[in-house]
Amino acid sequence: MTTIKQGMSFAEFEQIIAQRVANAIETIVIYETKTRMARESTNQIKQQEGKIAEDTNDKRKWKDDHKGSSSQQQNKEN
């Protein structure tokens, strides 16, 4: 058995390194997952904002169209 400083065996040293690498990989996966979820959330918000703006424009057009036709009807009645 090969030993390294402080009486640690080579196998123990390898085990510690392997665990640290596994921890680093897990941290990276978590970061990437959170980043992807944040991007998806941002995209959904942008889509919703676009839909709201579109609905608002449609509502304004509808009101303008109906406001003009109702005032024309009132003028015809007078």
N, C-alpha and C. Protein backbone atom coordinates (compact mmCIF):
# COMPACT_ATOMS: atom_id res chain seq x y z
N MET A 1 0.85 -1.17 0.00
CA MET A 1 0.00 0.00 0.00
C MET A 1 0.90 1.23 0.00
N THR A 2 0.66 2.14 -0.95
CA THR A 2 1.43 3.37 -1.04
C THR A 2 0.81 4.40 -0.11
N THR A 3 1.63 5.09 0.62
CA THR A 3 1.09 6.12 1.53
C THR A 3 1.53 7.49 1.08
N ILE A 4 0.71 8.47 1.42
CA ILE A 4 0.99 9.86 1.11
C ILE A 4 1.03 10.58 2.44
N LYS A 5 1.40 11.83 2.45
CA LYS A 5 1.54 12.61 3.68
C LYS A 5 0.45 12.31 4.69
N GLN A 6 0.79 12.41 5.93
CA GLN A 6 -0.09 12.26 7.07
C GLN A 6 -0.71 10.86 7.14
N GLY A 7 -0.05 9.88 6.60
CA GLY A 7 -0.50 8.51 6.73
C GLY A 7 -1.70 8.16 5.87
N MET A 8 -2.05 8.99 4.88
CA MET A 8 -3.19 8.71 4.01
C MET A 8 -2.74 7.76 2.90
N SER A 9 -3.51 6.72 2.69
CA SER A 9 -3.17 5.79 1.62
C SER A 9 -3.55 6.39 0.27
N PHE A 10 -2.95 5.84 -0.77
CA PHE A 10 -3.25 6.30 -2.12
C PHE A 10 -4.72 6.07 -2.45
N ALA A 11 -5.29 4.98 -2.00
CA ALA A 11 -6.70 4.66 -2.25
C ALA A 11 -7.60 5.70 -1.57
N GLU A 12 -7.25 6.09 -0.35
CA GLU A 12 -8.03 7.11 0.35
C GLU A 12 -7.95 8.45 -0.37
N PHE A 13 -6.75 8.75 -0.84
CA PHE A 13 -6.54 9.99 -1.59
C PHE A 13 -7.39 9.98 -2.86
N GLU A 14 -7.38 8.87 -3.59
CA GLU A 14 -8.19 8.76 -4.81
C GLU A 14 -9.68 8.90 -4.50
N GLN A 15 -10.10 8.31 -3.39
CA GLN A 15 -11.50 8.38 -3.00
C GLN A 15 -11.92 9.82 -2.70
N ILE A 16 -11.07 10.56 -2.01
CA ILE A 16 -11.37 11.97 -1.71
C ILE A 16 -11.45 12.78 -2.99
N ILE A 17 -10.50 12.59 -3.90
CA ILE A 17 -10.50 13.31 -5.18
C ILE A 17 -11.76 12.96 -5.98
N ALA A 18 -12.10 11.68 -6.04
CA ALA A 18 -13.28 11.25 -6.78
C ALA A 18 -14.55 11.89 -6.20
N GLN A 19 -14.63 11.97 -4.88
CA GLN A 19 -15.80 12.58 -4.25
C GLN A 19 -15.88 14.07 -4.56
N ARG A 20 -14.75 14.74 -4.55
CA ARG A 20 -14.74 16.18 -4.86
C ARG A 20 -15.12 16.43 -6.31
N VAL A 21 -14.65 15.58 -7.20
CA VAL A 21 -15.02 15.71 -8.61
C VAL A 21 -16.52 15.47 -8.77
N ALA A 22 -17.05 14.47 -8.09
CA ALA A 22 -18.49 14.18 -8.16
C ALA A 22 -19.29 15.37 -7.62
N ASN A 23 -18.83 15.96 -6.53
CA ASN A 23 -19.51 17.14 -5.97
C ASN A 23 -19.49 18.31 -6.95
N ALA A 24 -18.35 18.51 -7.61
CA ALA A 24 -18.23 19.60 -8.58
C ALA A 24 -19.18 19.37 -9.76
N ILE A 25 -19.24 18.15 -10.24
CA ILE A 25 -20.14 17.83 -11.36
C ILE A 25 -21.59 18.06 -10.95
N GLU A 26 -21.95 17.63 -9.75
CA GLU A 26 -23.31 17.83 -9.26
C GLU A 26 -23.64 19.32 -9.17
N THR A 27 -22.70 20.12 -8.70
CA THR A 27 -22.91 21.56 -8.60
C THR A 27 -23.12 22.18 -9.98
N ILE A 28 -22.35 21.72 -10.95
CA ILE A 28 -22.49 22.23 -12.32
C ILE A 28 -23.85 21.87 -12.90
N VAL A 29 -24.30 20.64 -12.67
CA VAL A 29 -25.60 20.19 -13.17
C VAL A 29 -26.72 21.02 -12.55
N ILE A 30 -26.63 21.26 -11.25
CA ILE A 30 -27.64 22.08 -10.57
C ILE A 30 -27.65 23.49 -11.15
N TYR A 31 -26.47 24.08 -11.34
CA TYR A 31 -26.37 25.43 -11.91
C TYR A 31 -26.98 25.47 -13.30
N GLU A 32 -26.64 24.49 -14.14
CA GLU A 32 -27.17 24.46 -15.50
C GLU A 32 -28.69 24.30 -15.50
N THR A 33 -29.21 23.47 -14.61
CA THR A 33 -30.65 23.27 -14.51
C THR A 33 -31.35 24.56 -14.10
N LYS A 34 -30.81 25.22 -13.08
CA LYS A 34 -31.41 26.48 -12.63
C LYS A 34 -31.33 27.55 -13.71
N THR A 35 -30.23 27.60 -14.44
CA THR A 35 -30.08 28.57 -15.53
C THR A 35 -31.10 28.30 -16.62
N ARG A 36 -31.28 27.03 -17.00
CA ARG A 36 -32.26 26.67 -18.03
C ARG A 36 -33.67 27.03 -17.58
N MET A 37 -33.99 26.74 -16.33
CA MET A 37 -35.32 27.06 -15.82
C MET A 37 -35.56 28.56 -15.80
N ALA A 38 -34.54 29.33 -15.45
CA ALA A 38 -34.67 30.79 -15.44
C ALA A 38 -34.90 31.31 -16.85
N ARG A 39 -34.18 30.76 -17.82
CA ARG A 39 -34.38 31.19 -19.22
C ARG A 39 -35.79 30.85 -19.70
N GLU A 40 -36.25 29.64 -19.38
CA GLU A 40 -37.60 29.25 -19.79
C GLU A 40 -38.65 30.15 -19.15
N SER A 41 -38.43 30.49 -17.90
CA SER A 41 -39.36 31.37 -17.20
C SER A 41 -39.38 32.75 -17.83
N THR A 42 -38.20 33.25 -18.16
CA THR A 42 -38.09 34.56 -18.81
C THR A 42 -38.79 34.54 -20.16
N ASN A 43 -38.59 33.48 -20.91
CA ASN A 43 -39.24 33.37 -22.22
C ASN A 43 -40.76 33.32 -22.08
N GLN A 44 -41.26 32.60 -21.07
CA GLN A 44 -42.70 32.55 -20.85
C GLN A 44 -43.26 33.92 -20.49
N ILE A 45 -42.53 34.66 -19.68
CA ILE A 45 -42.97 36.01 -19.30
C ILE A 45 -43.01 36.90 -20.53
N LYS A 46 -41.98 36.81 -21.38
CA LYS A 46 -41.96 37.62 -22.60
C LYS A 46 -43.12 37.27 -23.51
N GLN A 47 -43.43 35.97 -23.62
CA GLN A 47 -44.56 35.55 -24.46
C GLN A 47 -45.87 36.08 -23.88
N GLN A 48 -46.02 36.02 -22.57
CA GLN A 48 -47.23 36.52 -21.93
C GLN A 48 -47.36 38.03 -22.12
N GLU A 49 -46.25 38.75 -22.00
CA GLU A 49 -46.28 40.20 -22.21
C GLU A 49 -46.70 40.52 -23.64
N GLY A 50 -46.17 39.75 -24.60
CA GLY A 50 -46.55 39.95 -25.99
C GLY A 50 -48.02 39.68 -26.22
N LYS A 51 -48.54 38.63 -25.59
CA LYS A 51 -49.95 38.28 -25.72
C LYS A 51 -50.82 39.37 -25.09
N ILE A 52 -50.41 39.89 -23.95
CA ILE A 52 -51.17 40.95 -23.29
C ILE A 52 -51.20 42.20 -24.16
N ALA A 53 -50.04 42.55 -24.73
CA ALA A 53 -49.98 43.73 -25.60
C ALA A 53 -50.86 43.53 -26.83
N GLU A 54 -50.84 42.33 -27.38
CA GLU A 54 -51.67 42.03 -28.55
C GLU A 54 -53.15 42.12 -28.19
N ASP A 55 -53.53 41.54 -27.04
CA ASP A 55 -54.93 41.60 -26.60
C ASP A 55 -55.37 43.04 -26.35
N THR A 56 -54.49 43.84 -25.77
CA THR A 56 -54.80 45.24 -25.50
C THR A 56 -55.03 46.00 -26.80
N ASN A 57 -54.16 45.77 -27.78
CA ASN A 57 -54.33 46.42 -29.09
C ASN A 57 -55.63 45.99 -29.76
N ASP A 58 -55.95 44.70 -29.66
CA ASP A 58 -57.20 44.21 -30.25
C ASP A 58 -58.40 44.85 -29.57
N LYS A 59 -58.32 44.99 -28.25
CA LYS A 59 -59.43 45.59 -27.50
C LYS A 59 -59.61 47.05 -27.90
N ARG A 60 -58.49 47.78 -28.04
CA ARG A 60 -58.57 49.19 -28.46
C ARG A 60 -59.19 49.30 -29.85
N LYS A 61 -58.76 48.43 -30.76
CA LYS A 61 -59.31 48.46 -32.12
C LYS A 61 -60.81 48.18 -32.08
N TRP A 62 -61.22 47.20 -31.28
CA TRP A 62 -62.63 46.85 -31.17
C TRP A 62 -63.43 48.04 -30.63
N LYS A 63 -62.91 48.67 -29.58
CA LYS A 63 -63.60 49.83 -29.01
C LYS A 63 -63.70 50.97 -30.02
N ASP A 64 -62.59 51.24 -30.72
CA ASP A 64 -62.59 52.31 -31.72
C ASP A 64 -63.58 52.01 -32.83
N ASP A 65 -63.62 50.77 -33.29
CA ASP A 65 -64.54 50.39 -34.35
C ASP A 65 -65.99 50.56 -33.90
N HIS A 66 -66.29 50.14 -32.69
CA HIS A 66 -67.67 50.20 -32.20
C HIS A 66 -68.05 51.60 -31.75
N LYS A 67 -67.08 52.36 -31.28
CA LYS A 67 -67.37 53.74 -30.89
C LYS A 67 -67.76 54.55 -32.12
N GLY A 68 -67.04 54.34 -33.21
CA GLY A 68 -67.34 55.07 -34.45
C GLY A 68 -68.69 54.67 -35.02
N SER A 69 -69.04 53.40 -34.97
CA SER A 69 -70.32 52.96 -35.53
C SER A 69 -71.49 53.41 -34.67
N SER A 70 -71.33 53.46 -33.36
CA SER A 70 -72.44 53.91 -32.50
C SER A 70 -72.67 55.41 -32.66
N SER A 71 -71.62 56.19 -32.82
CA SER A 71 -71.81 57.63 -33.00
C SER A 71 -72.43 57.92 -34.37
N GLN A 72 -72.12 57.09 -35.36
CA GLN A 72 -72.73 57.25 -36.68
C GLN A 72 -74.23 56.94 -36.62
N GLN A 73 -74.58 55.91 -35.82
CA GLN A 73 -75.99 55.57 -35.68
C GLN A 73 -76.75 56.69 -34.99
N GLN A 74 -76.14 57.31 -33.99
CA GLN A 74 -76.80 58.41 -33.29
C GLN A 74 -77.00 59.59 -34.23
N ASN A 75 -76.03 59.86 -35.08
CA ASN A 75 -76.16 60.96 -36.03
C ASN A 75 -77.30 60.68 -37.04
N LYS A 76 -77.45 59.43 -37.43
CA LYS A 76 -78.50 59.07 -38.38
C LYS A 76 -79.89 59.26 -37.74
N GLU A 77 -80.00 58.97 -36.45
CA GLU A 77 -81.28 59.07 -35.77
C GLU A 77 -81.69 60.55 -35.64
N ASN A 78 -80.73 61.47 -35.51
CA ASN A 78 -81.02 62.90 -35.33
C ASN A 78 -81.33 63.49 -36.63
